[in-house]
């Protein structure tokens, strides 16, 4: 039999290195990327939430420049990482379907190696921060250089990250930060969603 083509899920937008710390919160990630080779800039906003080992990010690709041509079923994706379960749920909200990936799966996200050097104290959006120069190395990839700003009034949470290399300059900032535990249902798969292990069901139905 002829094998089906391997169709990959779209990767989450790159946001640089963010250390969210140990506290629970909700916020909106505002990120802008300037492509130096093409001389153009695109940006997006992405609601995120954290509660203990649980993390949620919402991606609306219809509002992200550079993501045109994506199948409608994949244009709205919610990623729920459950560290307590060692798995991640990818919710395709337009189809009310979801897929599950475990930490043992090939390609599962791994934390990078990060080294940092203190640069200065700066204030970002009213928060006192410590600015660090960082070197970020993801497994099997070339090291990236950049800066992070950790808010000292938020237990060292990174509220801004900047990567600047030969091809892109990317800045990500947390806005509208609300400290405290978000609603528990943000980290649960809605009851009317159906699990699938066949990605073709999502893109071809």
N, C-alpha and C. Protein backbone atom coordinates (compact mmCIF):
# COMPACT_ATOMS: atom_id res chain seq x y z
N UNK A 1 0.84 -1.20 0.00
CA UNK A 1 0.00 0.00 0.00
C UNK A 1 0.88 1.26 0.00
N UNK A 2 0.34 2.30 -0.61
CA UNK A 2 1.05 3.56 -0.67
C UNK A 2 0.87 4.29 0.67
N UNK A 3 1.99 4.70 1.26
CA UNK A 3 1.92 5.38 2.55
C UNK A 3 1.39 6.79 2.41
N UNK A 4 0.67 7.26 3.41
CA UNK A 4 0.16 8.62 3.40
C UNK A 4 1.30 9.59 3.70
N UNK A 5 1.25 10.79 3.13
CA UNK A 5 2.30 11.77 3.43
C UNK A 5 2.29 12.15 4.91
N UNK A 6 3.46 12.43 5.43
CA UNK A 6 3.58 12.80 6.83
C UNK A 6 3.26 14.28 6.99
N UNK A 7 2.07 14.58 7.49
CA UNK A 7 1.64 15.96 7.65
C UNK A 7 1.91 16.40 9.08
N UNK A 8 2.67 17.47 9.22
CA UNK A 8 3.07 17.92 10.55
C UNK A 8 2.12 19.00 11.08
N UNK A 9 1.91 18.97 12.36
CA UNK A 9 1.17 20.05 13.00
C UNK A 9 2.00 21.33 12.92
N UNK A 10 1.35 22.50 12.79
CA UNK A 10 2.12 23.74 12.76
C UNK A 10 2.77 23.97 14.12
N UNK A 11 4.04 24.38 14.12
CA UNK A 11 4.70 24.61 15.40
C UNK A 11 4.16 25.87 16.06
N UNK A 12 4.20 25.95 17.40
CA UNK A 12 3.83 27.20 18.05
C UNK A 12 4.74 28.32 17.59
N UNK A 13 4.24 29.55 17.59
CA UNK A 13 5.10 30.67 17.20
C UNK A 13 6.32 30.78 18.11
N UNK A 14 7.45 31.16 17.55
CA UNK A 14 8.65 31.35 18.35
C UNK A 14 8.49 32.58 19.24
N UNK A 15 8.86 32.46 20.49
CA UNK A 15 8.71 33.59 21.43
C UNK A 15 10.00 33.87 22.18
N UNK A 16 11.11 33.23 21.81
CA UNK A 16 12.33 33.43 22.57
C UNK A 16 12.31 32.61 23.85
N UNK A 17 13.16 32.99 24.79
CA UNK A 17 13.25 32.23 26.04
C UNK A 17 12.50 32.96 27.14
N UNK A 18 11.50 32.30 27.73
CA UNK A 18 10.72 32.88 28.82
C UNK A 18 10.76 31.93 30.01
N UNK A 19 11.16 32.45 31.17
CA UNK A 19 11.13 31.68 32.41
C UNK A 19 9.97 32.21 33.25
N UNK A 20 8.87 31.44 33.32
CA UNK A 20 7.66 31.94 33.98
C UNK A 20 7.69 31.80 35.49
N UNK A 21 8.73 31.18 36.04
CA UNK A 21 8.83 31.09 37.49
C UNK A 21 7.86 30.09 38.08
N UNK A 22 7.60 30.24 39.37
CA UNK A 22 6.78 29.28 40.10
C UNK A 22 5.38 29.78 40.41
N UNK A 23 5.10 31.05 40.14
CA UNK A 23 3.79 31.59 40.50
C UNK A 23 2.76 31.40 39.38
N UNK A 24 1.49 31.30 39.78
CA UNK A 24 0.40 31.14 38.83
C UNK A 24 -0.03 32.51 38.30
N UNK A 25 -0.45 32.55 37.03
CA UNK A 25 -0.84 33.84 36.44
C UNK A 25 -1.56 33.62 35.12
N UNK A 26 -2.15 34.71 34.63
CA UNK A 26 -2.65 34.82 33.26
C UNK A 26 -2.01 36.06 32.65
N UNK A 27 -1.82 36.06 31.34
CA UNK A 27 -1.24 37.22 30.67
C UNK A 27 -1.47 37.08 29.17
N UNK A 28 -1.08 38.11 28.43
CA UNK A 28 -1.09 38.06 26.97
C UNK A 28 0.34 38.27 26.49
N UNK A 29 0.81 37.34 25.69
CA UNK A 29 2.13 37.45 25.10
C UNK A 29 2.03 38.26 23.81
N UNK A 30 2.77 39.37 23.75
CA UNK A 30 2.82 40.19 22.54
C UNK A 30 4.21 40.03 21.95
N UNK A 31 4.27 39.53 20.72
CA UNK A 31 5.56 39.23 20.11
C UNK A 31 5.64 39.85 18.73
N UNK A 32 6.80 40.38 18.41
CA UNK A 32 7.05 40.91 17.07
C UNK A 32 8.37 40.34 16.55
N UNK A 33 8.39 39.99 15.27
CA UNK A 33 9.56 39.42 14.63
C UNK A 33 9.87 40.20 13.37
N UNK A 34 11.11 40.64 13.25
CA UNK A 34 11.55 41.32 12.05
C UNK A 34 12.46 40.38 11.27
N UNK A 35 12.03 40.02 10.07
CA UNK A 35 12.81 39.14 9.20
C UNK A 35 13.80 40.00 8.42
N UNK A 36 15.07 39.89 8.75
CA UNK A 36 16.07 40.76 8.15
C UNK A 36 16.29 40.44 6.68
N UNK A 37 16.14 39.18 6.30
CA UNK A 37 16.38 38.80 4.91
C UNK A 37 15.28 39.32 3.99
N UNK A 38 14.05 39.37 4.51
CA UNK A 38 12.93 39.82 3.69
C UNK A 38 12.54 41.27 3.99
N UNK A 39 13.12 41.82 5.04
CA UNK A 39 12.83 43.21 5.39
C UNK A 39 11.40 43.46 5.79
N UNK A 40 10.77 42.49 6.45
CA UNK A 40 9.39 42.71 6.87
C UNK A 40 9.18 42.24 8.31
N UNK A 41 8.16 42.79 8.93
CA UNK A 41 7.89 42.51 10.35
C UNK A 41 6.48 41.96 10.49
N UNK A 42 6.31 41.00 11.38
CA UNK A 42 4.97 40.54 11.72
C UNK A 42 4.88 40.36 13.22
N UNK A 43 3.65 40.42 13.73
CA UNK A 43 3.45 40.35 15.17
C UNK A 43 2.18 39.56 15.48
N UNK A 44 2.06 39.17 16.73
CA UNK A 44 0.86 38.46 17.16
C UNK A 44 0.68 38.63 18.66
N UNK A 45 -0.54 38.37 19.13
CA UNK A 45 -0.86 38.33 20.55
C UNK A 45 -1.36 36.93 20.88
N UNK A 46 -0.91 36.40 22.01
CA UNK A 46 -1.23 35.04 22.37
C UNK A 46 -1.56 34.95 23.86
N UNK A 47 -2.83 34.73 24.24
CA UNK A 47 -3.17 34.55 25.66
C UNK A 47 -2.49 33.30 26.21
N UNK A 48 -1.94 33.42 27.42
CA UNK A 48 -1.31 32.28 28.08
C UNK A 48 -1.78 32.23 29.53
N UNK A 49 -1.64 31.07 30.15
CA UNK A 49 -2.01 30.90 31.56
C UNK A 49 -1.15 29.80 32.16
N UNK A 50 -0.85 29.94 33.45
CA UNK A 50 -0.02 28.95 34.15
C UNK A 50 -0.60 28.68 35.53
N UNK A 51 -0.66 27.40 35.89
CA UNK A 51 -1.09 26.98 37.22
C UNK A 51 -0.26 25.77 37.61
N UNK A 52 0.72 25.98 38.46
CA UNK A 52 1.60 24.88 38.84
C UNK A 52 2.32 24.32 37.63
N UNK A 53 2.16 23.02 37.40
CA UNK A 53 2.80 22.37 36.25
C UNK A 53 1.92 22.41 35.00
N UNK A 54 0.84 23.15 35.05
CA UNK A 54 -0.07 23.23 33.92
C UNK A 54 0.15 24.56 33.18
N UNK A 55 0.14 24.49 31.85
CA UNK A 55 0.38 25.69 31.04
C UNK A 55 -0.52 25.67 29.82
N UNK A 56 -1.05 26.82 29.45
CA UNK A 56 -1.96 26.93 28.31
C UNK A 56 -1.53 28.10 27.43
N UNK A 57 -1.56 27.90 26.10
CA UNK A 57 -1.38 29.00 25.17
C UNK A 57 -2.41 28.87 24.05
N UNK A 58 -2.95 30.03 23.63
CA UNK A 58 -3.97 30.06 22.59
C UNK A 58 -3.38 30.74 21.36
N UNK A 59 -3.48 30.06 20.20
CA UNK A 59 -2.91 30.59 18.96
C UNK A 59 -3.98 30.73 17.90
N UNK A 60 -4.21 31.97 17.45
CA UNK A 60 -5.14 32.24 16.36
C UNK A 60 -4.31 32.63 15.15
N UNK A 61 -4.08 31.66 14.26
CA UNK A 61 -3.18 31.90 13.13
C UNK A 61 -3.78 32.86 12.11
N UNK A 62 -5.10 33.09 12.15
CA UNK A 62 -5.71 34.04 11.21
C UNK A 62 -5.29 35.46 11.53
N UNK A 63 -4.81 35.68 12.75
CA UNK A 63 -4.39 37.02 13.16
C UNK A 63 -2.87 37.17 13.13
N UNK A 64 -2.17 36.14 12.60
CA UNK A 64 -0.72 36.19 12.52
C UNK A 64 -0.31 36.34 11.07
N UNK A 65 0.34 37.43 10.74
CA UNK A 65 0.84 37.58 9.38
C UNK A 65 1.88 36.51 9.11
N UNK A 66 1.90 36.01 7.89
CA UNK A 66 2.84 34.96 7.53
C UNK A 66 2.27 33.57 7.70
N UNK A 67 1.04 33.48 8.23
CA UNK A 67 0.42 32.17 8.42
C UNK A 67 -0.74 31.95 7.44
N UNK A 68 -0.78 32.74 6.36
CA UNK A 68 -1.84 32.58 5.39
C UNK A 68 -1.74 31.22 4.69
N UNK A 69 -2.88 30.74 4.21
CA UNK A 69 -2.90 29.48 3.49
C UNK A 69 -3.04 28.27 4.38
N UNK A 70 -3.13 28.45 5.69
CA UNK A 70 -3.29 27.32 6.59
C UNK A 70 -4.73 26.82 6.51
N UNK A 71 -4.95 25.50 6.51
CA UNK A 71 -6.31 24.98 6.49
C UNK A 71 -7.14 25.57 7.63
N UNK A 72 -8.42 25.91 7.36
CA UNK A 72 -9.25 26.53 8.39
C UNK A 72 -9.30 25.73 9.69
N UNK A 73 -9.26 24.40 9.58
CA UNK A 73 -9.33 23.57 10.77
C UNK A 73 -8.16 23.77 11.70
N UNK A 74 -7.04 24.27 11.15
CA UNK A 74 -5.82 24.43 11.95
C UNK A 74 -5.57 25.88 12.33
N UNK A 75 -6.50 26.76 12.01
CA UNK A 75 -6.25 28.19 12.22
C UNK A 75 -6.40 28.62 13.67
N UNK A 76 -7.10 27.82 14.47
CA UNK A 76 -7.28 28.14 15.89
C UNK A 76 -6.87 26.92 16.71
N UNK A 77 -5.75 27.05 17.43
CA UNK A 77 -5.18 25.93 18.18
C UNK A 77 -4.92 26.35 19.62
N UNK A 78 -5.29 25.50 20.55
CA UNK A 78 -4.98 25.70 21.96
C UNK A 78 -4.06 24.57 22.40
N UNK A 79 -2.92 24.94 22.98
CA UNK A 79 -1.99 23.94 23.51
C UNK A 79 -2.10 23.94 25.03
N UNK A 80 -2.37 22.78 25.60
CA UNK A 80 -2.44 22.63 27.05
C UNK A 80 -1.37 21.63 27.47
N UNK A 81 -0.36 22.13 28.18
CA UNK A 81 0.69 21.24 28.68
C UNK A 81 0.36 20.87 30.12
N UNK A 82 0.29 19.57 30.38
CA UNK A 82 0.01 19.07 31.73
C UNK A 82 1.26 18.37 32.25
N UNK A 83 2.10 19.14 32.95
CA UNK A 83 3.30 18.56 33.53
C UNK A 83 2.99 17.47 34.54
N UNK A 84 1.82 17.60 35.19
CA UNK A 84 1.43 16.58 36.17
C UNK A 84 1.09 15.26 35.50
N UNK A 85 0.74 15.30 34.21
CA UNK A 85 0.42 14.08 33.47
C UNK A 85 1.53 13.72 32.48
N UNK A 86 2.54 14.61 32.37
CA UNK A 86 3.65 14.42 31.42
C UNK A 86 3.13 14.26 29.98
N UNK A 87 2.18 15.13 29.62
CA UNK A 87 1.65 15.09 28.26
C UNK A 87 1.12 16.47 27.86
N UNK A 88 0.95 16.64 26.56
CA UNK A 88 0.43 17.89 26.02
C UNK A 88 -0.77 17.59 25.13
N UNK A 89 -1.80 18.42 25.26
CA UNK A 89 -3.00 18.30 24.45
C UNK A 89 -3.02 19.44 23.43
N UNK A 90 -3.24 19.10 22.16
CA UNK A 90 -3.39 20.10 21.09
C UNK A 90 -4.85 20.12 20.68
N UNK A 91 -5.54 21.22 20.99
CA UNK A 91 -6.96 21.34 20.72
C UNK A 91 -7.18 22.15 19.45
N UNK A 92 -7.88 21.56 18.49
CA UNK A 92 -8.24 22.25 17.25
C UNK A 92 -9.69 22.70 17.39
N UNK A 93 -9.84 23.94 17.82
CA UNK A 93 -11.15 24.39 18.28
C UNK A 93 -12.19 24.46 17.18
N UNK A 94 -11.77 24.68 15.92
CA UNK A 94 -12.74 24.74 14.82
C UNK A 94 -13.31 23.37 14.49
N UNK A 95 -12.62 22.32 14.87
CA UNK A 95 -13.07 20.95 14.62
C UNK A 95 -13.56 20.24 15.88
N UNK A 96 -13.31 20.84 17.04
CA UNK A 96 -13.61 20.22 18.32
C UNK A 96 -12.96 18.84 18.42
N UNK A 97 -11.71 18.77 17.96
CA UNK A 97 -10.91 17.56 18.08
C UNK A 97 -9.59 17.90 18.78
N UNK A 98 -8.96 16.89 19.35
CA UNK A 98 -7.67 17.12 20.00
C UNK A 98 -6.76 15.92 19.82
N UNK A 99 -5.45 16.21 19.90
CA UNK A 99 -4.43 15.17 19.84
C UNK A 99 -3.60 15.23 21.11
N UNK A 100 -3.00 14.10 21.46
CA UNK A 100 -2.23 13.98 22.69
C UNK A 100 -0.80 13.58 22.36
N UNK A 101 0.18 14.25 22.97
CA UNK A 101 1.58 13.82 22.84
C UNK A 101 2.15 13.64 24.24
N UNK A 102 2.93 12.58 24.41
CA UNK A 102 3.55 12.27 25.70
C UNK A 102 5.01 12.65 25.70
N UNK A 103 5.58 12.81 26.87
CA UNK A 103 7.00 13.19 26.98
C UNK A 103 7.92 12.16 26.34
N UNK A 104 7.44 10.93 26.20
CA UNK A 104 8.27 9.88 25.61
C UNK A 104 8.21 9.90 24.08
N UNK A 105 7.30 10.70 23.50
CA UNK A 105 7.15 10.75 22.05
C UNK A 105 8.33 11.47 21.40
N UNK A 106 8.70 11.03 20.20
CA UNK A 106 9.76 11.68 19.45
C UNK A 106 9.34 13.10 19.11
N UNK A 107 10.27 14.04 19.27
CA UNK A 107 9.98 15.42 18.94
C UNK A 107 9.30 16.20 20.05
N UNK A 108 9.05 15.56 21.21
CA UNK A 108 8.41 16.26 22.32
C UNK A 108 9.33 17.37 22.81
N UNK A 109 8.74 18.51 23.18
CA UNK A 109 9.53 19.68 23.58
C UNK A 109 10.45 19.35 24.76
N UNK A 110 11.69 19.79 24.66
CA UNK A 110 12.66 19.63 25.75
C UNK A 110 13.18 21.01 26.14
N UNK A 111 13.39 21.22 27.42
CA UNK A 111 13.92 22.50 27.89
C UNK A 111 15.33 22.72 27.35
N UNK A 112 15.64 23.95 26.93
CA UNK A 112 16.98 24.23 26.42
C UNK A 112 17.98 24.43 27.56
N UNK A 113 19.26 24.38 27.21
CA UNK A 113 20.31 24.80 28.14
C UNK A 113 20.45 26.31 28.03
N UNK A 114 20.45 27.00 29.18
CA UNK A 114 20.51 28.46 29.20
C UNK A 114 21.61 28.92 30.14
N UNK A 115 22.48 29.78 29.65
CA UNK A 115 23.44 30.46 30.51
C UNK A 115 23.13 31.95 30.45
N UNK A 116 23.27 32.65 31.58
CA UNK A 116 22.91 34.07 31.59
C UNK A 116 23.95 34.87 32.37
N UNK A 117 24.11 36.13 31.94
CA UNK A 117 25.04 37.06 32.56
C UNK A 117 24.31 38.37 32.85
N UNK A 118 24.39 38.84 34.08
CA UNK A 118 23.69 40.07 34.46
C UNK A 118 24.25 41.27 33.69
N UNK A 119 23.31 42.13 33.22
CA UNK A 119 23.68 43.31 32.46
C UNK A 119 23.36 44.59 33.21
N UNK A 120 22.10 44.76 33.65
CA UNK A 120 21.69 46.02 34.28
C UNK A 120 20.32 45.86 34.92
N UNK A 121 19.94 46.83 35.73
CA UNK A 121 18.58 46.94 36.27
C UNK A 121 17.80 47.91 35.40
N UNK A 122 16.63 47.48 34.95
CA UNK A 122 15.78 48.33 34.12
C UNK A 122 14.33 48.16 34.54
N UNK A 123 13.49 49.15 34.21
CA UNK A 123 12.06 49.08 34.49
C UNK A 123 11.32 48.81 33.18
N UNK A 124 10.49 47.76 33.18
CA UNK A 124 9.70 47.38 32.00
C UNK A 124 8.22 47.39 32.39
N UNK A 125 7.44 48.26 31.74
CA UNK A 125 6.00 48.34 32.01
C UNK A 125 5.71 48.49 33.51
N UNK A 126 6.53 49.27 34.18
CA UNK A 126 6.32 49.51 35.60
C UNK A 126 6.91 48.46 36.53
N UNK A 127 7.48 47.41 35.98
CA UNK A 127 8.06 46.35 36.81
C UNK A 127 9.58 46.54 36.89
N UNK A 128 10.16 46.56 38.10
CA UNK A 128 11.62 46.57 38.20
C UNK A 128 12.16 45.23 37.73
N UNK A 129 13.17 45.24 36.86
CA UNK A 129 13.68 44.00 36.31
C UNK A 129 15.20 43.94 36.36
N UNK A 130 15.71 42.73 36.26
CA UNK A 130 17.12 42.48 36.05
C UNK A 130 17.30 42.00 34.62
N UNK A 131 18.11 42.71 33.86
CA UNK A 131 18.36 42.36 32.47
C UNK A 131 19.58 41.45 32.39
N UNK A 132 19.43 40.34 31.65
CA UNK A 132 20.51 39.39 31.49
C UNK A 132 20.79 39.14 30.00
N UNK A 133 22.05 38.98 29.67
CA UNK A 133 22.41 38.44 28.36
C UNK A 133 22.36 36.91 28.48
N UNK A 134 21.73 36.25 27.51
CA UNK A 134 21.56 34.81 27.60
C UNK A 134 22.07 34.11 26.34
N UNK A 135 22.53 32.88 26.54
CA UNK A 135 22.83 31.97 25.46
C UNK A 135 21.91 30.78 25.61
N UNK A 136 21.12 30.49 24.56
CA UNK A 136 20.08 29.47 24.62
C UNK A 136 20.42 28.39 23.61
N UNK A 137 20.50 27.15 24.07
CA UNK A 137 20.84 26.04 23.19
C UNK A 137 19.78 24.96 23.30
N UNK A 138 19.01 24.79 22.22
CA UNK A 138 18.07 23.67 22.13
C UNK A 138 18.80 22.45 21.57
N UNK A 139 18.35 21.29 21.99
CA UNK A 139 19.03 20.05 21.60
C UNK A 139 19.15 19.95 20.08
N UNK A 140 20.38 19.77 19.62
CA UNK A 140 20.61 19.57 18.19
C UNK A 140 20.57 20.84 17.36
N UNK A 141 20.47 22.01 18.00
CA UNK A 141 20.39 23.25 17.26
C UNK A 141 21.54 24.19 17.64
N UNK A 142 21.78 25.16 16.80
CA UNK A 142 22.83 26.14 17.05
C UNK A 142 22.42 27.07 18.18
N UNK A 143 23.36 27.50 19.00
CA UNK A 143 23.06 28.39 20.13
C UNK A 143 22.54 29.73 19.65
N UNK A 144 21.57 30.28 20.41
CA UNK A 144 21.01 31.60 20.12
C UNK A 144 21.46 32.57 21.21
N UNK A 145 21.70 33.82 20.81
CA UNK A 145 22.08 34.86 21.75
C UNK A 145 20.92 35.84 21.91
N UNK A 146 20.79 36.40 23.10
CA UNK A 146 19.74 37.38 23.30
C UNK A 146 19.75 37.96 24.69
N UNK A 147 18.61 38.57 25.08
CA UNK A 147 18.47 39.18 26.40
C UNK A 147 17.12 38.77 26.99
N UNK A 148 17.07 38.71 28.32
CA UNK A 148 15.81 38.54 29.02
C UNK A 148 15.74 39.57 30.14
N UNK A 149 14.51 39.94 30.50
CA UNK A 149 14.26 40.87 31.60
C UNK A 149 13.40 40.15 32.62
N UNK A 150 13.93 39.90 33.81
CA UNK A 150 13.23 39.18 34.87
C UNK A 150 12.72 40.17 35.91
N UNK A 151 11.43 40.13 36.16
CA UNK A 151 10.80 41.08 37.08
C UNK A 151 11.06 40.69 38.53
N UNK A 152 11.73 41.57 39.27
CA UNK A 152 12.05 41.25 40.66
C UNK A 152 10.83 41.31 41.56
N UNK A 153 9.76 42.03 41.14
CA UNK A 153 8.54 42.08 41.95
C UNK A 153 7.61 40.90 41.64
N UNK A 154 8.00 40.06 40.68
CA UNK A 154 7.21 38.87 40.32
C UNK A 154 8.05 37.61 40.47
N UNK A 155 8.91 37.61 41.49
CA UNK A 155 9.75 36.45 41.81
C UNK A 155 10.63 36.02 40.64
N UNK A 156 11.09 36.99 39.84
CA UNK A 156 12.03 36.68 38.78
C UNK A 156 11.40 36.19 37.49
N UNK A 157 10.09 36.34 37.33
CA UNK A 157 9.43 35.94 36.09
C UNK A 157 9.99 36.75 34.91
N UNK A 158 10.29 36.06 33.80
CA UNK A 158 10.71 36.76 32.59
C UNK A 158 9.50 37.45 31.97
N UNK A 159 9.57 38.78 31.83
CA UNK A 159 8.44 39.49 31.21
C UNK A 159 8.81 40.06 29.85
N UNK A 160 10.08 39.94 29.47
CA UNK A 160 10.47 40.31 28.11
C UNK A 160 11.66 39.46 27.69
N UNK A 161 11.65 39.08 26.41
CA UNK A 161 12.73 38.29 25.83
C UNK A 161 13.07 38.87 24.47
N UNK A 162 14.35 38.95 24.15
CA UNK A 162 14.76 39.47 22.85
C UNK A 162 15.85 38.57 22.26
N UNK A 163 15.64 38.18 21.02
CA UNK A 163 16.64 37.42 20.26
C UNK A 163 17.02 38.26 19.05
N UNK A 164 18.30 38.45 18.82
CA UNK A 164 18.76 39.25 17.68
C UNK A 164 19.95 38.54 17.05
N UNK A 165 19.72 38.00 15.84
CA UNK A 165 20.80 37.30 15.16
C UNK A 165 20.89 37.76 13.71
N UNK A 166 21.57 37.01 12.89
CA UNK A 166 21.82 37.44 11.51
C UNK A 166 20.55 37.45 10.67
N UNK A 167 19.55 36.67 11.06
CA UNK A 167 18.36 36.55 10.21
C UNK A 167 17.12 37.23 10.79
N UNK A 168 16.98 37.25 12.11
CA UNK A 168 15.75 37.83 12.70
C UNK A 168 16.07 38.61 13.97
N UNK A 169 15.19 39.55 14.28
CA UNK A 169 15.14 40.16 15.60
C UNK A 169 13.74 39.94 16.14
N UNK A 170 13.65 39.30 17.30
CA UNK A 170 12.36 38.92 17.86
C UNK A 170 12.26 39.42 19.30
N UNK A 171 11.17 40.11 19.58
CA UNK A 171 10.92 40.61 20.93
C UNK A 171 9.56 40.12 21.40
N UNK A 172 9.51 39.54 22.60
CA UNK A 172 8.26 39.07 23.20
C UNK A 172 8.11 39.69 24.58
N UNK A 173 6.91 40.20 24.88
CA UNK A 173 6.64 40.87 26.14
C UNK A 173 5.34 40.38 26.73
N UNK A 174 5.31 40.12 28.03
CA UNK A 174 4.07 39.78 28.72
C UNK A 174 3.34 41.06 29.09
N UNK A 175 2.04 41.12 28.74
CA UNK A 175 1.21 42.27 29.08
C UNK A 175 -0.02 41.79 29.83
N UNK A 176 -0.67 42.71 30.53
CA UNK A 176 -1.91 42.38 31.24
C UNK A 176 -1.74 41.24 32.22
N UNK A 177 -0.61 41.22 32.93
CA UNK A 177 -0.33 40.12 33.85
C UNK A 177 -1.28 40.17 35.05
N UNK A 178 -1.96 39.04 35.29
CA UNK A 178 -2.84 38.90 36.46
C UNK A 178 -2.33 37.73 37.28
N UNK A 179 -1.80 38.02 38.46
CA UNK A 179 -1.26 36.97 39.31
C UNK A 179 -2.39 36.24 40.03
N UNK A 180 -2.15 34.98 40.33
CA UNK A 180 -3.16 34.15 40.98
C UNK A 180 -3.55 32.98 40.10
N UNK A 181 -4.21 32.00 40.68
CA UNK A 181 -4.56 30.77 39.97
C UNK A 181 -5.66 31.03 38.94
N UNK A 182 -5.42 30.73 37.67
CA UNK A 182 -6.47 30.85 36.66
C UNK A 182 -7.55 29.78 36.87
N UNK A 183 -8.70 29.94 36.24
CA UNK A 183 -9.75 28.91 36.36
C UNK A 183 -9.26 27.54 35.92
N UNK A 184 -9.63 26.50 36.67
CA UNK A 184 -9.14 25.15 36.41
C UNK A 184 -9.55 24.65 35.04
N UNK A 185 -10.72 25.09 34.53
CA UNK A 185 -11.19 24.54 33.25
C UNK A 185 -10.33 24.99 32.07
N UNK A 186 -9.45 25.99 32.26
CA UNK A 186 -8.54 26.39 31.19
C UNK A 186 -7.56 25.28 30.85
N UNK A 187 -7.34 24.36 31.78
CA UNK A 187 -6.32 23.32 31.59
C UNK A 187 -6.94 21.94 31.38
N UNK A 188 -8.23 21.92 31.07
CA UNK A 188 -8.93 20.66 30.82
C UNK A 188 -9.47 20.64 29.40
N UNK A 189 -9.51 19.45 28.80
CA UNK A 189 -10.10 19.31 27.47
C UNK A 189 -11.62 19.39 27.60
N UNK A 190 -12.27 20.27 26.85
CA UNK A 190 -13.74 20.37 26.93
C UNK A 190 -14.40 19.03 26.63
N UNK A 191 -15.54 18.78 27.28
CA UNK A 191 -16.21 17.48 27.16
C UNK A 191 -16.70 17.21 25.75
N UNK A 192 -16.97 18.27 24.97
CA UNK A 192 -17.51 18.05 23.63
C UNK A 192 -16.42 17.90 22.57
N UNK A 193 -15.15 17.79 22.98
CA UNK A 193 -14.05 17.54 22.05
C UNK A 193 -13.79 16.04 21.95
N UNK A 194 -13.37 15.60 20.76
CA UNK A 194 -13.11 14.19 20.50
C UNK A 194 -11.63 13.98 20.22
N UNK A 195 -11.04 12.97 20.85
CA UNK A 195 -9.62 12.68 20.62
C UNK A 195 -9.42 11.96 19.29
N UNK A 196 -8.35 12.30 18.60
CA UNK A 196 -7.95 11.58 17.40
C UNK A 196 -6.43 11.42 17.40
N UNK A 197 -5.96 10.33 16.85
CA UNK A 197 -4.53 10.12 16.68
C UNK A 197 -4.14 10.27 15.20
N UNK A 198 -5.14 10.53 14.35
CA UNK A 198 -4.92 10.65 12.91
C UNK A 198 -5.03 12.13 12.52
N UNK A 199 -3.87 12.72 12.23
CA UNK A 199 -3.86 14.15 11.90
C UNK A 199 -4.64 14.46 10.64
N UNK A 200 -4.75 13.46 9.73
CA UNK A 200 -5.51 13.67 8.51
C UNK A 200 -6.99 13.95 8.79
N UNK A 201 -7.50 13.42 9.89
CA UNK A 201 -8.90 13.70 10.24
C UNK A 201 -9.12 15.20 10.46
N UNK A 202 -8.08 15.87 10.95
CA UNK A 202 -8.23 17.29 11.26
C UNK A 202 -8.14 18.13 10.00
N UNK A 203 -7.24 17.79 9.11
CA UNK A 203 -7.00 18.66 7.95
C UNK A 203 -7.86 18.32 6.75
N UNK A 204 -8.47 17.15 6.72
CA UNK A 204 -9.19 16.74 5.51
C UNK A 204 -10.69 16.61 5.69
N UNK A 205 -11.18 16.55 6.90
CA UNK A 205 -12.63 16.37 7.08
C UNK A 205 -13.40 17.54 6.51
